[in-house]
Amino acid sequence: MGEATGTAVKRAEELAKPSESPSIIDQLEDTFKAITRRAYELFESSGREFGRDLENWFQAERELLHSVHVSITEADGFLEVKAEVPGFTEKEIEISVEPHRLTIAGKRETKKEEKKGKTVYAESCSNQIFRSVTLPLEVETEKVTANLKNGVLEITLPKAGKARTLRIHPKAA
């Protein structure tokens, strides 16, 4: 974790090595592909009606991505972030912290089926969240803590120490 880049990737319940999970770029690419597939499904289901591209795209985004409402407060020595992530567990949320950026990503899949003889009703849902926030000041990435309780993710980000000014005094000859 103490890499020269000063970047920490932390799951809500444990520290995770960046190589164990896909990068943010990979996650964004997968999300883009899922939205594209769903927008095309909407296009197909409406009889391939042209001129509704943006409407289909925005509907696909609303169905697949859910916004994360975030509040950031500054206290003496740390920043506290509260993010609403209802229905997500610690294992489904990933937190990435850089000195000036916080990223929260999560994915969960639920399936509901009611079977009595021939299937007449089946429902599945894939929920993803993604939020990246620029922090107002530099934080110490190695000392970040996170807690998930009742659908609210609380992240404590200790402020980085202030840079010291060192004056060099010439020696008297």
C-alpha atoms as a PDB file:
ATOM      1  CA  MET A   1       0.000   0.000   0.000  1.00  0.00           C
ATOM      2  CA  GLY A   2       2.800   2.435   0.690  1.00  0.00           C
ATOM      3  CA  GLU A   3       3.536   2.868  -3.007  1.00  0.00           C
ATOM      4  CA  ALA A   4       5.261   5.912  -4.404  1.00  0.00           C
ATOM      5  CA  THR A   5       2.060   6.927  -6.213  1.00  0.00           C
ATOM      6  CA  GLY A   6       0.253   7.487  -2.930  1.00  0.00           C
ATOM      7  CA  THR A   7      -2.822   5.606  -4.136  1.00  0.00           C
ATOM      8  CA  ALA A   8      -4.867   3.252  -1.981  1.00  0.00           C
ATOM      9  CA  VAL A   9      -7.602   0.903  -3.074  1.00  0.00           C
ATOM     10  CA  LYS A  10      -9.745  -0.288  -0.199  1.00  0.00           C
ATOM     11  CA  ARG A  11     -12.855  -2.398   0.016  1.00  0.00           C
ATOM     12  CA  ALA A  12     -15.214  -1.334   2.750  1.00  0.00           C
ATOM     13  CA  GLU A  13     -14.334  -4.384   4.855  1.00  0.00           C
ATOM     14  CA  GLU A  14     -10.713  -5.088   3.864  1.00  0.00           C
ATOM     15  CA  LEU A  15      -7.725  -3.796   1.972  1.00  0.00           C
ATOM     16  CA  ALA A  16      -7.602  -5.110  -1.585  1.00  0.00           C
ATOM     17  CA  LYS A  17      -4.623  -5.202  -3.884  1.00  0.00           C
ATOM     18  CA  PRO A  18      -5.219  -3.191  -7.088  1.00  0.00           C
ATOM     19  CA  SER A  19      -4.231  -6.212  -9.206  1.00  0.00           C
ATOM     20  CA  GLU A  20      -7.082  -8.290  -7.675  1.00  0.00           C
ATOM     21  CA  SER A  21      -9.821  -6.035  -9.007  1.00  0.00           C
ATOM     22  CA  PRO A  22     -10.397  -4.486 -12.419  1.00  0.00           C
ATOM     23  CA  SER A  23      -9.167  -0.958 -12.905  1.00  0.00           C
ATOM     24  CA  ILE A  24     -11.542   1.986 -12.928  1.00  0.00           C
ATOM     25  CA  ILE A  25     -11.025   2.224 -16.713  1.00  0.00           C
ATOM     26  CA  ASP A  26     -12.085  -1.429 -17.118  1.00  0.00           C
ATOM     27  CA  GLN A  27     -15.148  -0.828 -14.924  1.00  0.00           C
ATOM     28  CA  LEU A  28     -16.132   2.228 -16.971  1.00  0.00           C
ATOM     29  CA  GLU A  29     -15.697   0.281 -20.203  1.00  0.00           C
ATOM     30  CA  ASP A  30     -17.895  -2.563 -18.897  1.00  0.00           C
ATOM     31  CA  THR A  31     -20.530  -0.053 -17.785  1.00  0.00           C
ATOM     32  CA  PHE A  32     -20.485   1.677 -21.176  1.00  0.00           C
ATOM     33  CA  LYS A  33     -20.952  -1.687 -22.924  1.00  0.00           C
ATOM     34  CA  ALA A  34     -23.867  -2.593 -20.637  1.00  0.00           C
ATOM     35  CA  ILE A  35     -25.579   0.749 -21.302  1.00  0.00           C
ATOM     36  CA  THR A  36     -25.017   0.317 -25.040  1.00  0.00           C
ATOM     37  CA  ARG A  37     -26.563  -3.184 -24.962  1.00  0.00           C
ATOM     38  CA  ARG A  38     -29.593  -1.979 -22.984  1.00  0.00           C
ATOM     39  CA  ALA A  39     -30.091   1.067 -25.258  1.00  0.00           C
ATOM     40  CA  TYR A  40     -30.068  -1.271 -28.258  1.00  0.00           C
ATOM     41  CA  GLU A  41     -32.611  -3.549 -26.550  1.00  0.00           C
ATOM     42  CA  LEU A  42     -34.859  -0.518 -26.044  1.00  0.00           C
ATOM     43  CA  PHE A  43     -34.379   0.416 -29.719  1.00  0.00           C
ATOM     44  CA  GLU A  44     -35.339  -3.124 -30.755  1.00  0.00           C
ATOM     45  CA  SER A  45     -38.371  -3.256 -28.451  1.00  0.00           C
ATOM     46  CA  SER A  46     -39.761   0.016 -29.833  1.00  0.00           C
ATOM     47  CA  GLY A  47     -39.837  -1.401 -33.353  1.00  0.00           C
ATOM     48  CA  ARG A  48     -36.457   0.026 -34.383  1.00  0.00           C
ATOM     49  CA  GLU A  49     -37.876   3.524 -34.435  1.00  0.00           C
ATOM     50  CA  PHE A  50     -35.185   6.017 -35.417  1.00  0.00           C
ATOM     51  CA  GLY A  51     -34.808   9.443 -33.830  1.00  0.00           C
ATOM     52  CA  ARG A  52     -35.027   8.249 -30.213  1.00  0.00           C
ATOM     53  CA  ASP A  53     -31.333   7.466 -29.714  1.00  0.00           C
ATOM     54  CA  LEU A  54     -30.774   9.832 -26.788  1.00  0.00           C
ATOM     55  CA  GLU A  55     -34.053   8.883 -25.120  1.00  0.00           C
ATOM     56  CA  ASN A  56     -33.105   5.178 -25.296  1.00  0.00           C
ATOM     57  CA  TRP A  57     -29.585   5.928 -24.033  1.00  0.00           C
ATOM     58  CA  PHE A  58     -30.813   7.981 -21.045  1.00  0.00           C
ATOM     59  CA  GLN A  59     -33.391   5.343 -20.138  1.00  0.00           C
ATOM     60  CA  ALA A  60     -30.672   2.658 -20.229  1.00  0.00           C
ATOM     61  CA  GLU A  61     -28.478   4.801 -17.948  1.00  0.00           C
ATOM     62  CA  ARG A  62     -31.356   5.316 -15.491  1.00  0.00           C
ATOM     63  CA  GLU A  63     -32.031   1.578 -15.401  1.00  0.00           C
ATOM     64  CA  LEU A  64     -28.413   0.498 -14.949  1.00  0.00           C
ATOM     65  CA  LEU A  65     -26.725   3.279 -12.989  1.00  0.00           C
ATOM     66  CA  HIS A  66     -27.870   4.766  -9.744  1.00  0.00           C
ATOM     67  CA  SER A  67     -26.473   8.028  -8.457  1.00  0.00           C
ATOM     68  CA  VAL A  68     -24.618   8.136  -5.174  1.00  0.00           C
ATOM     69  CA  HIS A  69     -25.517  11.141  -3.068  1.00  0.00           C
ATOM     70  CA  VAL A  70     -22.436  12.360  -1.211  1.00  0.00           C
ATOM     71  CA  SER A  71     -21.819  14.903   1.525  1.00  0.00           C
ATOM     72  CA  ILE A  72     -18.323  15.976   2.581  1.00  0.00           C
ATOM     73  CA  THR A  73     -17.606  17.723   5.862  1.00  0.00           C
ATOM     74  CA  GLU A  74     -14.295  19.029   7.094  1.00  0.00           C
ATOM     75  CA  ALA A  75     -13.338  18.656  10.728  1.00  0.00           C
ATOM     76  CA  ASP A  76     -10.130  19.258  12.599  1.00  0.00           C
ATOM     77  CA  GLY A  77      -7.604  16.899  11.047  1.00  0.00           C
ATOM     78  CA  PHE A  78      -9.863  14.948   8.679  1.00  0.00           C
ATOM     79  CA  LEU A  79     -12.578  14.944   6.024  1.00  0.00           C
ATOM     80  CA  GLU A  80     -15.699  12.888   6.564  1.00  0.00           C
ATOM     81  CA  VAL A  81     -17.641  11.622   3.576  1.00  0.00           C
ATOM     82  CA  LYS A  82     -21.133  10.157   3.825  1.00  0.00           C
ATOM     83  CA  ALA A  83     -22.460   8.381   0.749  1.00  0.00           C
ATOM     84  CA  GLU A  84     -25.912   6.858   0.319  1.00  0.00           C
ATOM     85  CA  VAL A  85     -25.601   3.285  -0.993  1.00  0.00           C
ATOM     86  CA  PRO A  86     -28.875   1.586   0.022  1.00  0.00           C
ATOM     87  CA  GLY A  87     -29.051  -2.137  -0.563  1.00  0.00           C
ATOM     88  CA  PHE A  88     -25.309  -2.621  -1.105  1.00  0.00           C
ATOM     89  CA  THR A  89     -23.101  -4.743   1.169  1.00  0.00           C
ATOM     90  CA  GLU A  90     -19.430  -4.266   2.038  1.00  0.00           C
ATOM     91  CA  LYS A  91     -18.432  -6.923  -0.480  1.00  0.00           C
ATOM     92  CA  GLU A  92     -20.203  -5.110  -3.331  1.00  0.00           C
ATOM     93  CA  ILE A  93     -18.571  -1.714  -2.774  1.00  0.00           C
ATOM     94  CA  GLU A  94     -15.045  -0.673  -3.709  1.00  0.00           C
ATOM     95  CA  ILE A  95     -13.438   2.543  -2.546  1.00  0.00           C
ATOM     96  CA  SER A  96     -10.424   4.036  -4.283  1.00  0.00           C
ATOM     97  CA  VAL A  97      -8.582   6.900  -2.603  1.00  0.00           C
ATOM     98  CA  GLU A  98      -5.924   9.118  -4.104  1.00  0.00           C
ATOM     99  CA  PRO A  99      -4.471  12.191  -2.389  1.00  0.00           C
ATOM    100  CA  HIS A 100      -7.034  14.499  -4.084  1.00  0.00           C
ATOM    101  CA  ARG A 101      -9.749  12.089  -5.327  1.00  0.00           C
ATOM    102  CA  LEU A 102     -12.257   9.639  -3.870  1.00  0.00           C
ATOM    103  CA  THR A 103     -14.002   7.054  -6.053  1.00  0.00           C
ATOM    104  CA  ILE A 104     -16.881   4.846  -4.935  1.00  0.00           C
ATOM    105  CA  ALA A 105     -17.969   1.990  -7.195  1.00  0.00           C
ATOM    106  CA  GLY A 106     -20.327  -0.886  -6.609  1.00  0.00           C
ATOM    107  CA  LYS A 107     -22.155  -3.617  -8.419  1.00  0.00           C
ATOM    108  CA  ARG A 108     -24.818  -6.051  -7.339  1.00  0.00           C
ATOM    109  CA  GLU A 109     -27.050  -8.453  -9.162  1.00  0.00           C
ATOM    110  CA  THR A 110     -30.364  -9.721  -7.924  1.00  0.00           C
ATOM    111  CA  LYS A 111     -32.649 -12.271  -9.485  1.00  0.00           C
ATOM    112  CA  LYS A 112     -36.249 -12.933  -8.614  1.00  0.00           C
ATOM    113  CA  GLU A 113     -38.149 -15.876  -9.922  1.00  0.00           C
ATOM    114  CA  GLU A 114     -41.562 -17.210  -9.081  1.00  0.00           C
ATOM    115  CA  LYS A 115     -42.006 -20.744 -10.377  1.00  0.00           C
ATOM    116  CA  LYS A 116     -45.141 -22.806 -10.360  1.00  0.00           C
ATOM    117  CA  GLY A 117     -45.109 -24.979 -13.420  1.00  0.00           C
ATOM    118  CA  LYS A 118     -44.286 -23.000 -16.544  1.00  0.00           C
ATOM    119  CA  THR A 119     -42.396 -19.723 -15.948  1.00  0.00           C
ATOM    120  CA  VAL A 120     -44.749 -16.813 -16.474  1.00  0.00           C
ATOM    121  CA  TYR A 121     -42.846 -14.198 -14.505  1.00  0.00           C
ATOM    122  CA  ALA A 122     -39.088 -13.691 -14.098  1.00  0.00           C
ATOM    123  CA  GLU A 123     -37.217 -10.570 -13.096  1.00  0.00           C
ATOM    124  CA  SER A 124     -33.540  -9.733 -12.826  1.00  0.00           C
ATOM    125  CA  CYS A 125     -31.773  -6.503 -12.063  1.00  0.00           C
ATOM    126  CA  SER A 126     -28.193  -5.309 -12.203  1.00  0.00           C
ATOM    127  CA  ASN A 127     -27.458  -2.238 -10.147  1.00  0.00           C
ATOM    128  CA  GLN A 128     -24.249  -0.302 -10.442  1.00  0.00           C
ATOM    129  CA  ILE A 129     -23.075   2.815  -8.683  1.00  0.00           C
ATOM    130  CA  PHE A 130     -20.155   5.011  -9.536  1.00  0.00           C
ATOM    131  CA  ARG A 131     -19.116   8.334  -8.085  1.00  0.00           C
ATOM    132  CA  SER A 132     -15.796  10.119  -8.320  1.00  0.00           C
ATOM    133  CA  VAL A 133     -15.240  13.242  -6.225  1.00  0.00           C
ATOM    134  CA  THR A 134     -12.343  15.694  -6.229  1.00  0.00           C
ATOM    135  CA  LEU A 135     -11.375  16.312  -2.622  1.00  0.00           C
ATOM    136  CA  PRO A 136     -10.884  19.895  -1.428  1.00  0.00           C
ATOM    137  CA  LEU A 137      -7.511  19.059   0.133  1.00  0.00           C
ATOM    138  CA  GLU A 138      -4.865  16.358   0.188  1.00  0.00           C
ATOM    139  CA  VAL A 139      -5.485  13.290   2.369  1.00  0.00           C
ATOM    140  CA  GLU A 140      -3.325  10.474   3.741  1.00  0.00           C
ATOM    141  CA  THR A 141      -4.397   7.467   1.699  1.00  0.00           C
ATOM    142  CA  GLU A 142      -2.909   4.842   4.033  1.00  0.00           C
ATOM    143  CA  LYS A 143      -5.026   5.934   7.033  1.00  0.00           C
ATOM    144  CA  VAL A 144      -8.473   5.959   5.428  1.00  0.00           C
ATOM    145  CA  THR A 145     -11.253   4.099   7.235  1.00  0.00           C
ATOM    146  CA  ALA A 146     -14.706   3.125   5.985  1.00  0.00           C
ATOM    147  CA  ASN A 147     -17.866   1.889   7.675  1.00  0.00           C
ATOM    148  CA  LEU A 148     -21.172   0.820   6.117  1.00  0.00           C
ATOM    149  CA  LYS A 149     -24.284   1.041   8.275  1.00  0.00           C
ATOM    150  CA  ASN A 150     -27.959   1.188   7.283  1.00  0.00           C
ATOM    151  CA  GLY A 151     -27.214   2.026   3.647  1.00  0.00           C
ATOM    152  CA  VAL A 152     -24.846   4.896   4.485  1.00  0.00           C
ATOM    153  CA  LEU A 153     -21.144   4.569   3.752  1.00  0.00           C
ATOM    154  CA  GLU A 154     -19.037   6.694   6.113  1.00  0.00           C
ATOM    155  CA  ILE A 155     -15.454   7.336   5.057  1.00  0.00           C
ATOM    156  CA  THR A 156     -12.926   9.127   7.245  1.00  0.00           C
ATOM    157  CA  LEU A 157     -10.010  10.656   5.330  1.00  0.00           C
ATOM    158  CA  PRO A 158      -7.212  12.087   7.510  1.00  0.00           C
ATOM    159  CA  LYS A 159      -5.743  15.314   6.146  1.00  0.00           C
ATOM    160  CA  ALA A 160      -2.158  15.126   4.922  1.00  0.00           C
ATOM    161  CA  GLY A 161       0.353  17.011   7.019  1.00  0.00           C
ATOM    162  CA  LYS A 162       1.123  20.542   5.981  1.00  0.00           C
ATOM    163  CA  ALA A 163       4.285  21.123   4.016  1.00  0.00           C
ATOM    164  CA  ARG A 164       6.994  22.720   6.090  1.00  0.00           C
ATOM    165  CA  THR A 165       9.041  25.593   4.852  1.00  0.00           C
ATOM    166  CA  LEU A 166      12.710  25.108   5.536  1.00  0.00           C
ATOM    167  CA  ARG A 167      14.970  28.108   5.324  1.00  0.00           C
ATOM    168  CA  ILE A 168      18.609  27.714   4.531  1.00  0.00           C
ATOM    169  CA  HIS A 169      20.873  30.155   6.301  1.00  0.00           C
ATOM    170  CA  PRO A 170      24.316  30.725   4.831  1.00  0.00           C
ATOM    171  CA  LYS A 171      27.211  30.079   7.172  1.00  0.00           C
ATOM    172  CA  ALA A 172      29.168  33.100   8.300  1.00  0.00           C
ATOM    173  CA  ALA A 173      32.649  32.981   6.875  1.00  0.00           C
END
